[in-house]
Amino acid sequence: MIASILLLIIASLLSLFFVYMAVTEKDLLKAVAYSAGQSITYSILLQAMSTPDIVMTYVAVSVGLYSALLVFVISKTERFER
């Protein structure tokens, strides 16, 4: 019980860190990587709450498709924000 609550707290703080880094980053590829890290920590939170079916869908869409689509779009534009 205590281990799962500790896991929830650590994953929540880590996700806040990734969100802050993604928002403040000037390099768009690094921001996508931070966004993927945030999605991974959210999937850890969902797994800790015993929702494996939602985790499988969330990882496939958020980490896989979303990140790949953003990298493709960034490759068509400029990488750095002004």
C-alpha atoms as a PDB file:
ATOM      1  CA  MET A   1       0.000   0.000   0.000  1.00  0.00           C
ATOM      2  CA  ILE A   2       2.702   2.460   0.992  1.00  0.00           C
ATOM      3  CA  ALA A   3       4.841   1.473  -1.997  1.00  0.00           C
ATOM      4  CA  SER A   4       2.020   2.199  -4.433  1.00  0.00           C
ATOM      5  CA  ILE A   5       1.343   5.600  -2.854  1.00  0.00           C
ATOM      6  CA  LEU A   6       5.055   6.398  -2.999  1.00  0.00           C
ATOM      7  CA  LEU A   7       5.108   5.358  -6.671  1.00  0.00           C
ATOM      8  CA  LEU A   8       2.152   7.654  -7.369  1.00  0.00           C
ATOM      9  CA  ILE A   9       3.870  10.602  -5.692  1.00  0.00           C
ATOM     10  CA  ILE A  10       7.189  10.076  -7.488  1.00  0.00           C
ATOM     11  CA  ALA A  11       5.539   9.603 -10.896  1.00  0.00           C
ATOM     12  CA  SER A  12       3.390  12.706 -10.349  1.00  0.00           C
ATOM     13  CA  LEU A  13       6.399  14.851  -9.508  1.00  0.00           C
ATOM     14  CA  LEU A  14       8.339  13.438 -12.442  1.00  0.00           C
ATOM     15  CA  SER A  15       5.460  14.183 -14.801  1.00  0.00           C
ATOM     16  CA  LEU A  16       5.338  17.770 -13.539  1.00  0.00           C
ATOM     17  CA  PHE A  17       9.051  18.084 -14.275  1.00  0.00           C
ATOM     18  CA  PHE A  18       8.580  16.755 -17.820  1.00  0.00           C
ATOM     19  CA  VAL A  19       5.654  19.107 -18.462  1.00  0.00           C
ATOM     20  CA  TYR A  20       7.683  22.111 -17.290  1.00  0.00           C
ATOM     21  CA  MET A  21      10.662  21.109 -19.441  1.00  0.00           C
ATOM     22  CA  ALA A  22       8.469  20.540 -22.509  1.00  0.00           C
ATOM     23  CA  VAL A  23       6.829  23.942 -22.178  1.00  0.00           C
ATOM     24  CA  THR A  24      10.041  25.908 -21.609  1.00  0.00           C
ATOM     25  CA  GLU A  25      12.245  24.124 -24.173  1.00  0.00           C
ATOM     26  CA  LYS A  26      13.230  26.076 -27.306  1.00  0.00           C
ATOM     27  CA  ASP A  27      14.314  22.991 -29.280  1.00  0.00           C
ATOM     28  CA  LEU A  28      11.127  21.362 -30.557  1.00  0.00           C
ATOM     29  CA  LEU A  29      12.593  17.844 -30.809  1.00  0.00           C
ATOM     30  CA  LYS A  30      13.650  17.976 -27.168  1.00  0.00           C
ATOM     31  CA  ALA A  31      10.162  19.216 -26.284  1.00  0.00           C
ATOM     32  CA  VAL A  32       8.674  16.179 -28.042  1.00  0.00           C
ATOM     33  CA  ALA A  33      11.029  13.924 -26.076  1.00  0.00           C
ATOM     34  CA  TYR A  34       9.965  15.577 -22.818  1.00  0.00           C
ATOM     35  CA  SER A  35       6.339  15.154 -23.850  1.00  0.00           C
ATOM     36  CA  ALA A  36       6.953  11.454 -24.459  1.00  0.00           C
ATOM     37  CA  GLY A  37       8.573  11.201 -21.022  1.00  0.00           C
ATOM     38  CA  GLN A  38       5.539  12.850 -19.508  1.00  0.00           C
ATOM     39  CA  SER A  39       3.306  10.344 -21.278  1.00  0.00           C
ATOM     40  CA  ILE A  40       5.387   7.479 -19.916  1.00  0.00           C
ATOM     41  CA  THR A  41       5.040   8.780 -16.366  1.00  0.00           C
ATOM     42  CA  TYR A  42       1.284   9.098 -16.894  1.00  0.00           C
ATOM     43  CA  SER A  43       1.198   5.476 -18.004  1.00  0.00           C
ATOM     44  CA  ILE A  44       3.064   4.537 -14.811  1.00  0.00           C
ATOM     45  CA  LEU A  45       0.404   6.421 -12.847  1.00  0.00           C
ATOM     46  CA  LEU A  46      -2.374   4.613 -14.700  1.00  0.00           C
ATOM     47  CA  GLN A  47      -0.693   1.241 -14.134  1.00  0.00           C
ATOM     48  CA  ALA A  48      -0.362   1.996 -10.420  1.00  0.00           C
ATOM     49  CA  MET A  49      -4.114   2.663 -10.374  1.00  0.00           C
ATOM     50  CA  SER A  50      -4.720  -0.812 -11.885  1.00  0.00           C
ATOM     51  CA  THR A  51      -6.027   0.185 -15.306  1.00  0.00           C
ATOM     52  CA  PRO A  52      -4.002  -2.004 -17.710  1.00  0.00           C
ATOM     53  CA  ASP A  53      -6.405  -1.702 -20.657  1.00  0.00           C
ATOM     54  CA  ILE A  54      -6.217   2.090 -20.596  1.00  0.00           C
ATOM     55  CA  VAL A  55      -2.418   1.944 -20.225  1.00  0.00           C
ATOM     56  CA  MET A  56      -1.995  -0.163 -23.374  1.00  0.00           C
ATOM     57  CA  THR A  57      -4.100   2.240 -25.423  1.00  0.00           C
ATOM     58  CA  TYR A  58      -2.488   5.341 -23.926  1.00  0.00           C
ATOM     59  CA  VAL A  59       1.058   4.126 -24.567  1.00  0.00           C
ATOM     60  CA  ALA A  60       0.304   3.187 -28.165  1.00  0.00           C
ATOM     61  CA  VAL A  61      -1.365   6.490 -28.987  1.00  0.00           C
ATOM     62  CA  SER A  62       0.414   9.026 -26.790  1.00  0.00           C
ATOM     63  CA  VAL A  63       3.975   7.745 -26.835  1.00  0.00           C
ATOM     64  CA  GLY A  64       3.964   6.102 -30.252  1.00  0.00           C
ATOM     65  CA  LEU A  65       1.680   7.813 -32.731  1.00  0.00           C
ATOM     66  CA  TYR A  66       1.637  11.295 -31.228  1.00  0.00           C
ATOM     67  CA  SER A  67       5.420  11.538 -30.882  1.00  0.00           C
ATOM     68  CA  ALA A  68       6.029  10.133 -34.369  1.00  0.00           C
ATOM     69  CA  LEU A  69       3.533  12.564 -35.887  1.00  0.00           C
ATOM     70  CA  LEU A  70       5.123  15.526 -34.123  1.00  0.00           C
ATOM     71  CA  VAL A  71       8.627  14.510 -35.231  1.00  0.00           C
ATOM     72  CA  PHE A  72       7.357  14.246 -38.819  1.00  0.00           C
ATOM     73  CA  VAL A  73       5.746  17.686 -38.636  1.00  0.00           C
ATOM     74  CA  ILE A  74       8.871  19.217 -37.084  1.00  0.00           C
ATOM     75  CA  SER A  75      10.975  17.762 -39.897  1.00  0.00           C
ATOM     76  CA  LYS A  76       8.837  19.778 -42.338  1.00  0.00           C
ATOM     77  CA  THR A  77       9.326  23.018 -40.388  1.00  0.00           C
ATOM     78  CA  GLU A  78      12.092  24.669 -38.381  1.00  0.00           C
ATOM     79  CA  ARG A  79      13.481  22.790 -35.410  1.00  0.00           C
ATOM     80  CA  PHE A  80      14.186  25.732 -33.123  1.00  0.00           C
ATOM     81  CA  GLU A  81      11.666  28.210 -31.801  1.00  0.00           C
ATOM     82  CA  ARG A  82      12.588  31.875 -32.085  1.00  0.00           C
END
